[in-house]
Amino acid sequence: MNKILITGGNFINKGAQSMLFCVVDSLKKEYPNSDIVMIDLFPSLTANDKNKYAFEIVNMHIRTVLRLGFPIVKLLVKPKPISNPEKEIMEHFKTADLVFDISGYGVSSHNQHPLWTYATLFPVKVAKKFNVPFVFLPQSIGPFNFKGWKKLILFPFIKKYLSYPKKIFIREPKCRVELNKIRTEGVIDSFDIVLQSEKVDINNIHKAHSNTAHYQVKEDSIIIIPNKQLTKLRPQSEVISLFSELCNHLSEKGYNISIIRHSADDAQICNAIFEETKKTNIELINEDLDPYEIQQLLAQSSIVIASRYHGLIHSLKLGKPCLVIGWAHKYEHVMKSFNLMDYYFSVTDSSTKGIIESTDKLLNNKTSLNKSIKKYLEAIKGINLYKDIK
């Protein structure tokens, strides 16, 4: 296998970045002689930034996706300067031996803009054109509860291109129910890429990397990871109030608290929560940390309260007891898998009082929960999803 493409990852969301690094590392170990090329649909890196990585990064901005998908758009929209040339992008797809998608949550009618569903499936369309095998690595797919024009136009597009991939790995049983509307063959249950991966070899990711930690939290701190997505399902003022009341409650009980940004999108809400809580034992780390730095911070924590999916995944991988305030069924499935449903809350129908009470319970049970999480984690480790691909 000479060339493998990866689509769906990016450097903006730390979950997407973590999945990217885990897959690059796994592929370099599984296919050591292959060229690994990432196609970045959310390009944010300059040429100089990209050169720091030990794999090739090709920028394909959404404008380029639209220009390539709809030729008439070329008359109306110029390509973004950050994008690689369109001929170069198409040549990568044409010469690829295999394409992996790691979107995480790209094809759905729930809380998902149709444009991003199209962008997620565009690489499938191009791979199909050149007869290149395509695989969706573990992610959440569906639901497909489209209405109006989306049901008439978008769902047939989804149906056409989700029928092409050689394999689709799904993270939750509900995904299978949705995919049964399209296909039943080649759909495989799996766990999240990051959760089941072994320790990443930094040399497979960076040409040079310093392990020096730029930020630290106090030992046994409570780490809180908010998520802007929650404000799409509940008023922003209520989300901020929920987190700030929780932080203040824990602060008054004498705990050290660190509010950590897990995605560039969360900068504003992290600031807003911190402004409502300002106490001497509450700190805000609202910086663009890489996944290694985030894991170093989580490793020092006592418990984690997460609203970012991969904030939860990173924490569980370290054996950290977690409370989740989530917005999609993917959170619930993970918490069920680790027998942590007493600490799972949906943002749409949860009270601050209930969350505070469960957080206190989590703190009281953190030692036994740490042991049980590690037990469940052992059962997941060692899974090699590539055996189902070959």
Protein backbone atom coordinates (compact mmCIF):
# COMPACT_ATOMS: atom_id res chain seq x y z
CA MET A 1 0.00 0.00 0.00
CA ASN A 2 1.71 3.17 -1.23
CA LYS A 3 -0.60 6.00 -0.13
CA ILE A 4 -3.31 6.29 2.53
CA LEU A 5 -5.50 9.39 2.85
CA ILE A 6 -7.17 10.52 6.08
CA THR A 7 -10.20 12.82 5.96
CA GLY A 8 -12.40 14.24 8.71
CA GLY A 9 -9.68 15.32 11.14
CA ASN A 10 -8.62 18.86 11.95
CA PHE A 11 -6.42 20.95 14.25
CA ILE A 12 -9.20 23.12 15.72
CA ASN A 13 -11.10 20.62 17.83
CA LYS A 14 -8.84 18.66 20.19
CA GLY A 15 -10.97 15.53 19.83
CA ALA A 16 -10.53 15.60 16.07
CA GLN A 17 -6.82 16.26 16.53
CA SER A 18 -6.50 13.35 18.96
CA MET A 19 -8.24 10.98 16.55
CA LEU A 20 -5.95 12.17 13.77
CA PHE A 21 -2.80 11.55 15.80
CA CYS A 22 -3.99 8.12 16.95
CA VAL A 23 -4.83 7.04 13.40
CA VAL A 24 -1.58 8.39 11.92
CA ASP A 25 0.38 6.56 14.61
CA SER A 26 -1.56 3.31 14.07
CA LEU A 27 -1.20 3.47 10.30
CA LYS A 28 2.54 4.06 10.49
CA LYS A 29 2.81 0.99 12.70
CA GLU A 30 0.39 -1.09 10.60
CA TYR A 31 1.61 0.07 7.15
CA PRO A 32 5.19 1.32 7.76
CA ASN A 33 6.01 1.76 4.08
CA SER A 34 2.95 3.84 3.18
CA ASP A 35 2.75 7.60 2.68
CA ILE A 36 0.16 9.08 5.05
CA VAL A 37 -1.66 12.17 3.75
CA MET A 38 -4.23 14.12 5.76
CA ILE A 39 -6.87 16.06 3.83
CA ASP A 40 -7.87 18.91 6.17
CA LEU A 41 -11.45 20.15 5.61
CA PHE A 42 -11.05 22.81 8.31
CA PRO A 43 -7.62 24.15 7.31
CA SER A 44 -5.93 26.29 9.94
CA LEU A 45 -2.22 25.54 9.44
CA THR A 46 0.19 27.55 7.34
CA ALA A 47 2.79 25.85 5.16
CA ASN A 48 5.36 26.40 7.89
CA ASP A 49 3.08 24.85 10.53
CA LYS A 50 2.34 21.83 8.36
CA ASN A 51 6.04 21.21 7.83
CA LYS A 52 6.45 20.48 11.55
CA TYR A 53 4.50 17.22 11.23
CA ALA A 54 5.85 13.83 10.19
CA PHE A 55 3.00 13.23 7.74
CA GLU A 56 1.73 15.27 4.79
CA ILE A 57 -1.12 17.73 5.33
CA VAL A 58 -3.20 18.96 2.40
CA ASN A 59 -5.65 21.82 2.97
CA MET A 60 -9.07 21.53 1.30
CA HIS A 61 -11.21 24.47 2.41
CA ILE A 62 -15.01 24.26 2.10
CA ARG A 63 -14.79 26.68 -0.85
CA THR A 64 -12.63 24.15 -2.64
CA VAL A 65 -15.12 21.39 -1.80
CA LEU A 66 -17.92 23.44 -3.37
CA ARG A 67 -15.81 24.44 -6.38
CA LEU A 68 -14.89 20.81 -7.06
CA GLY A 69 -18.37 19.49 -6.33
CA PHE A 70 -20.26 22.11 -8.34
CA PRO A 71 -18.19 23.46 -11.28
CA ILE A 72 -20.53 26.44 -11.75
CA VAL A 73 -19.37 27.68 -8.34
CA LYS A 74 -15.93 28.31 -9.85
CA LEU A 75 -17.49 31.24 -11.71
CA LEU A 76 -18.73 32.77 -8.47
CA VAL A 77 -16.29 31.80 -5.72
CA LYS A 78 -12.51 32.02 -5.65
CA PRO A 79 -10.51 29.42 -3.71
CA LYS A 80 -9.19 30.34 -0.27
CA PRO A 81 -5.44 31.05 -0.33
CA ILE A 82 -4.92 28.55 2.51
CA SER A 83 -6.21 25.71 0.30
CA ASN A 84 -3.85 23.54 -1.70
CA PRO A 85 -4.30 23.66 -5.50
CA GLU A 86 -7.37 21.76 -6.67
CA LYS A 87 -5.44 19.66 -9.18
CA GLU A 88 -3.05 18.58 -6.44
CA ILE A 89 -5.94 17.56 -4.17
CA MET A 90 -7.60 15.50 -6.89
CA GLU A 91 -4.28 13.85 -7.76
CA HIS A 92 -3.94 12.68 -4.14
CA PHE A 93 -7.36 10.99 -4.32
CA LYS A 94 -6.62 9.53 -7.75
CA THR A 95 -3.34 7.94 -6.60
CA ALA A 96 -4.54 6.77 -3.16
CA ASP A 97 -4.76 3.09 -2.28
CA LEU A 98 -7.16 3.64 0.62
CA VAL A 99 -9.07 6.49 2.27
CA PHE A 100 -10.01 6.60 5.98
CA ASP A 101 -12.58 9.00 7.40
CA ILE A 102 -12.35 9.99 11.09
CA SER A 103 -15.07 12.67 11.19
CA GLY A 104 -16.47 11.59 14.54
CA TYR A 105 -19.89 13.14 13.89
CA GLY A 106 -20.26 14.31 10.31
CA VAL A 107 -23.40 12.72 8.84
CA SER A 108 -26.56 13.46 10.81
CA SER A 109 -29.79 15.46 10.93
CA HIS A 110 -29.20 16.28 14.60
CA ASN A 111 -27.40 19.54 15.37
CA GLN A 112 -25.52 19.28 12.09
CA HIS A 113 -25.45 21.82 9.23
CA PRO A 114 -26.18 20.22 5.83
CA LEU A 115 -23.04 21.85 4.41
CA TRP A 116 -20.82 19.84 6.74
CA THR A 117 -22.62 16.62 5.90
CA TYR A 118 -21.92 17.34 2.24
CA ALA A 119 -18.29 18.17 3.03
CA THR A 120 -17.93 14.91 5.00
CA LEU A 121 -19.26 12.84 2.11
CA PHE A 122 -17.47 14.73 -0.66
CA PRO A 123 -14.26 12.66 -0.21
CA VAL A 124 -16.41 9.52 -0.58
CA LYS A 125 -17.77 10.92 -3.82
CA VAL A 126 -14.25 11.54 -5.15
CA ALA A 127 -12.96 8.15 -3.97
CA LYS A 128 -15.90 6.47 -5.69
CA LYS A 129 -15.10 8.37 -8.89
CA PHE A 130 -11.54 6.96 -8.88
CA ASN A 131 -12.58 3.55 -7.52
CA VAL A 132 -10.49 3.96 -4.36
CA PRO A 133 -11.55 1.89 -1.31
CA PHE A 134 -13.05 4.00 1.48
CA VAL A 135 -13.49 3.18 5.19
CA PHE A 136 -15.29 5.11 7.93
CA LEU A 137 -13.34 4.57 11.15
CA PRO A 138 -15.31 4.55 14.46
CA GLN A 139 -17.75 7.43 14.64
CA SER A 140 -21.37 8.41 15.27
CA ILE A 141 -23.65 8.36 12.24
CA GLY A 142 -27.29 9.46 12.15
CA PRO A 143 -30.06 10.06 12.94
CA PHE A 144 -31.54 10.71 9.51
CA ASN A 145 -34.75 12.43 10.59
CA PHE A 146 -34.73 14.90 7.72
CA LYS A 147 -37.73 16.98 6.71
CA GLY A 148 -38.65 19.11 3.71
CA TRP A 149 -35.95 19.70 1.11
CA LYS A 150 -33.36 17.91 3.22
CA LYS A 151 -35.39 14.72 3.04
CA LEU A 152 -35.81 15.10 -0.72
CA ILE A 153 -32.23 16.11 -1.57
CA LEU A 154 -29.81 15.51 1.29
CA PHE A 155 -30.92 12.05 2.38
CA PRO A 156 -30.67 10.52 -1.16
CA PHE A 157 -27.14 11.97 -1.33
CA ILE A 158 -26.29 10.39 2.03
CA LYS A 159 -27.84 7.09 0.97
CA LYS A 160 -25.85 7.02 -2.26
CA TYR A 161 -22.45 7.69 -0.71
CA LEU A 162 -22.84 5.77 2.55
CA SER A 163 -23.49 2.74 0.36
CA TYR A 164 -20.00 2.96 -1.15
CA PRO A 165 -17.50 2.53 1.73
CA LYS A 166 -15.94 -0.88 2.17
CA LYS A 167 -16.52 -0.75 5.94
CA ILE A 168 -18.28 1.59 8.35
CA PHE A 169 -17.26 1.33 12.01
CA ILE A 170 -19.87 2.68 14.41
CA ARG A 171 -19.50 3.74 18.04
CA GLU A 172 -23.10 3.30 19.22
CA PRO A 173 -25.88 0.74 18.60
CA LYS A 174 -28.28 3.51 17.56
CA CYS A 175 -26.05 4.13 14.54
CA ARG A 176 -26.80 0.63 13.27
CA VAL A 177 -30.53 1.28 13.49
CA GLU A 178 -30.07 4.34 11.28
CA LEU A 179 -27.67 2.65 8.86
CA ASN A 180 -30.11 -0.23 8.41
CA LYS A 181 -32.12 2.27 6.33
CA ILE A 182 -29.19 2.32 3.91
CA ARG A 183 -27.10 -0.85 4.30
CA THR A 184 -26.54 -3.83 6.58
CA GLU A 185 -23.29 -5.26 5.18
CA GLY A 186 -19.90 -4.05 6.36
CA VAL A 187 -21.17 -2.19 9.43
CA ILE A 188 -19.00 -3.03 12.45
CA ASP A 189 -19.48 -2.13 16.13
CA SER A 190 -16.41 -0.51 17.66
CA PHE A 191 -15.18 1.84 20.36
CA ASP A 192 -13.79 5.32 19.81
CA ILE A 193 -10.41 5.43 18.07
CA VAL A 194 -8.74 7.30 20.92
CA LEU A 195 -10.15 5.05 23.60
CA GLN A 196 -8.91 1.83 22.01
CA SER A 197 -5.54 3.11 20.77
CA GLU A 198 -2.22 2.37 22.42
CA LYS A 199 0.17 5.12 23.50
CA VAL A 200 1.03 7.32 20.53
CA ASP A 201 4.66 7.45 19.40
CA ILE A 202 5.33 11.18 19.18
CA ASN A 203 7.96 10.59 16.51
CA ASN A 204 5.22 9.33 14.19
CA ILE A 205 3.44 12.68 14.57
CA HIS A 206 6.06 15.41 14.90
CA LYS A 207 9.42 15.87 13.25
CA ALA A 208 10.55 17.38 16.55
CA HIS A 209 8.55 17.77 19.74
CA SER A 210 9.21 19.05 23.24
CA ASN A 211 7.59 17.24 26.16
CA THR A 212 7.85 20.35 28.32
CA ALA A 213 4.45 21.18 29.81
CA HIS A 214 3.50 24.84 29.44
CA TYR A 215 0.56 24.58 31.84
CA GLN A 216 -0.13 22.67 35.02
CA VAL A 217 -3.04 22.24 37.38
CA LYS A 218 -2.82 21.65 41.10
CA GLU A 219 -2.70 18.00 42.10
CA ASP A 220 -6.18 16.48 42.52
CA SER A 221 -7.91 19.44 40.89
CA ILE A 222 -11.38 19.09 39.44
CA ILE A 223 -11.19 19.74 35.70
CA ILE A 224 -14.22 21.14 33.91
CA ILE A 225 -14.50 20.99 30.10
CA PRO A 226 -17.45 23.03 28.72
CA ASN A 227 -18.88 22.79 25.21
CA LYS A 228 -20.42 25.53 23.08
CA GLN A 229 -22.67 22.91 21.43
CA LEU A 230 -24.77 22.82 24.60
CA THR A 231 -26.02 26.33 23.83
CA LYS A 232 -27.71 25.05 20.66
CA LEU A 233 -30.06 22.98 22.80
CA ARG A 234 -30.40 25.21 25.86
CA PRO A 235 -30.15 29.00 26.27
CA GLN A 236 -26.57 30.15 26.69
CA SER A 237 -27.38 32.01 29.90
CA GLU A 238 -28.69 28.79 31.46
CA VAL A 239 -25.62 26.80 30.38
CA ILE A 240 -23.29 29.42 31.84
CA SER A 241 -25.34 29.53 35.04
CA LEU A 242 -25.27 25.72 35.35
CA PHE A 243 -21.47 25.55 35.13
CA SER A 244 -20.85 28.62 37.28
CA GLU A 245 -23.13 27.36 40.08
CA LEU A 246 -21.38 24.00 39.97
CA CYS A 247 -17.95 25.66 40.10
CA ASN A 248 -18.99 27.90 42.98
CA HIS A 249 -20.37 24.93 44.92
CA LEU A 250 -17.12 23.00 44.53
CA SER A 251 -15.06 26.09 45.31
CA GLU A 252 -16.92 26.64 48.57
CA LYS A 253 -16.17 23.02 49.53
CA GLY A 254 -12.46 23.81 49.15
CA TYR A 255 -11.65 22.06 45.86
CA ASN A 256 -9.25 23.51 43.27
CA ILE A 257 -10.98 23.84 39.91
CA SER A 258 -9.57 24.28 36.40
CA ILE A 259 -11.82 25.26 33.51
CA ILE A 260 -10.12 24.01 30.34
CA ARG A 261 -10.88 24.77 26.70
CA HIS A 262 -11.03 21.64 24.55
CA SER A 263 -11.91 23.33 21.26
CA ALA A 264 -11.34 26.75 19.71
CA ASP A 265 -15.14 27.10 19.52
CA ASP A 266 -15.38 27.01 23.32
CA ALA A 267 -13.23 30.06 24.09
CA GLN A 268 -16.15 32.43 24.65
CA ILE A 269 -18.21 30.15 26.88
CA CYS A 270 -15.15 29.24 28.97
CA ASN A 271 -14.49 32.94 29.52
CA ALA A 272 -18.13 33.59 30.41
CA ILE A 273 -18.22 30.77 32.99
CA PHE A 274 -14.96 31.95 34.54
CA GLU A 275 -16.23 35.54 34.79
CA GLU A 276 -19.22 34.28 36.78
CA THR A 277 -17.06 32.28 39.19
CA LYS A 278 -13.88 34.24 39.84
CA LYS A 279 -12.53 32.72 43.04
CA THR A 280 -8.96 32.20 44.19
CA ASN A 281 -9.23 28.41 43.77
CA ILE A 282 -10.77 28.54 40.27
CA GLU A 283 -8.49 29.00 37.25
CA LEU A 284 -9.08 29.25 33.52
CA ILE A 285 -6.81 27.66 30.91
CA ASN A 286 -8.22 29.05 27.69
CA GLU A 287 -5.29 28.27 25.40
CA ASP A 288 -4.76 26.21 22.25
CA LEU A 289 -3.25 23.16 23.91
CA ASP A 290 -2.28 20.06 21.97
CA PRO A 291 -3.72 16.67 22.99
CA TYR A 292 -0.54 15.72 24.87
CA GLU A 293 -0.75 18.84 27.04
CA ILE A 294 -4.43 18.21 27.75
CA GLN A 295 -3.68 14.64 28.80
CA GLN A 296 -0.91 15.88 31.10
CA LEU A 297 -3.41 18.19 32.80
CA LEU A 298 -6.06 15.47 33.06
CA ALA A 299 -3.51 13.09 34.57
CA GLN A 300 -3.15 15.46 37.53
CA SER A 301 -6.90 15.71 38.15
CA SER A 302 -9.11 14.09 40.74
CA ILE A 303 -12.29 13.92 38.65
CA VAL A 304 -13.41 15.42 35.34
CA ILE A 305 -16.71 17.08 34.45
CA ALA A 306 -16.89 16.96 30.67
CA SER A 307 -19.19 18.24 27.96
CA ARG A 308 -16.75 17.59 25.13
CA TYR A 309 -16.92 13.99 23.94
CA HIS A 310 -13.17 13.53 23.71
CA GLY A 311 -12.71 15.32 27.00
CA LEU A 312 -14.65 12.34 28.38
CA ILE A 313 -12.66 9.85 26.27
CA HIS A 314 -9.27 11.31 27.29
CA SER A 315 -10.31 11.17 30.94
CA LEU A 316 -11.54 7.58 30.85
CA LYS A 317 -8.37 6.52 29.08
CA LEU A 318 -6.51 7.81 32.14
CA GLY A 319 -8.92 6.06 34.51
CA LYS A 320 -10.44 9.33 35.75
CA PRO A 321 -13.98 9.27 37.21
CA CYS A 322 -16.21 11.46 35.05
CA LEU A 323 -19.49 13.29 35.18
CA VAL A 324 -20.93 14.16 31.78
CA ILE A 325 -23.23 16.97 30.70
CA GLY A 326 -23.87 15.90 27.12
CA TRP A 327 -25.99 16.78 24.11
CA ALA A 328 -25.96 13.59 21.96
CA HIS A 329 -26.46 9.84 22.44
CA LYS A 330 -22.74 9.19 21.92
CA TYR A 331 -22.06 10.35 25.49
CA GLU A 332 -24.74 8.10 26.95
CA HIS A 333 -23.37 5.01 25.21
CA VAL A 334 -19.86 5.55 26.58
CA MET A 335 -21.15 6.11 30.09
CA LYS A 336 -23.25 2.94 29.88
CA SER A 337 -20.22 1.00 28.65
CA PHE A 338 -18.31 2.03 31.79
CA ASN A 339 -21.27 1.63 34.16
CA LEU A 340 -21.28 5.36 34.91
CA MET A 341 -24.90 6.24 34.14
CA ASP A 342 -25.39 7.69 37.63
CA TYR A 343 -23.11 10.47 36.43
CA TYR A 344 -24.61 11.10 32.99
CA PHE A 345 -26.83 14.13 32.32
CA SER A 346 -28.42 15.44 29.15
CA VAL A 347 -28.23 19.23 28.89
CA THR A 348 -31.85 19.41 27.72
CA ASP A 349 -33.53 17.96 30.80
CA SER A 350 -31.14 18.19 33.76
CA SER A 351 -31.30 20.35 36.86
CA THR A 352 -28.29 22.10 38.38
CA LYS A 353 -29.25 20.64 41.75
CA GLY A 354 -29.16 17.07 40.39
CA ILE A 355 -25.78 17.64 38.74
CA ILE A 356 -24.30 19.10 41.93
CA GLU A 357 -25.57 16.17 44.00
CA SER A 358 -24.11 13.64 41.56
CA THR A 359 -20.78 15.49 41.50
CA ASP A 360 -20.59 15.19 45.29
CA LYS A 361 -21.40 11.48 44.96
CA LEU A 362 -18.69 11.09 42.30
CA LEU A 363 -16.12 12.67 44.59
CA ASN A 364 -17.09 10.33 47.43
CA ASN A 365 -16.78 7.27 45.18
CA LYS A 366 -13.77 8.31 43.09
CA THR A 367 -11.41 5.59 44.39
CA SER A 368 -13.69 2.66 43.61
CA LEU A 369 -14.73 4.24 40.30
CA ASN A 370 -11.10 4.62 39.28
CA LYS A 371 -10.60 0.87 39.73
CA SER A 372 -13.75 -0.09 37.82
CA ILE A 373 -12.96 2.27 34.92
CA LYS A 374 -9.52 0.68 34.53
CA LYS A 375 -11.15 -2.75 34.53
CA TYR A 376 -13.49 -1.82 31.68
CA LEU A 377 -10.63 -0.14 29.84
CA GLU A 378 -8.55 -3.32 29.88
CA ALA A 379 -11.31 -5.12 27.98
CA ILE A 380 -11.13 -2.49 25.23
CA LYS A 381 -7.36 -2.32 24.86
CA GLY A 382 -5.74 -4.50 22.26
CA ILE A 383 -8.59 -4.26 19.75
CA ASN A 384 -7.12 -4.08 16.26
CA LEU A 385 -9.77 -2.70 13.94
CA TYR A 386 -7.41 -2.98 10.95
CA LYS A 387 -7.87 -6.76 10.94
CA ASP A 388 -11.45 -6.10 9.79
CA ILE A 389 -10.22 -3.93 6.93
CA LYS A 390 -7.61 -6.11 5.28
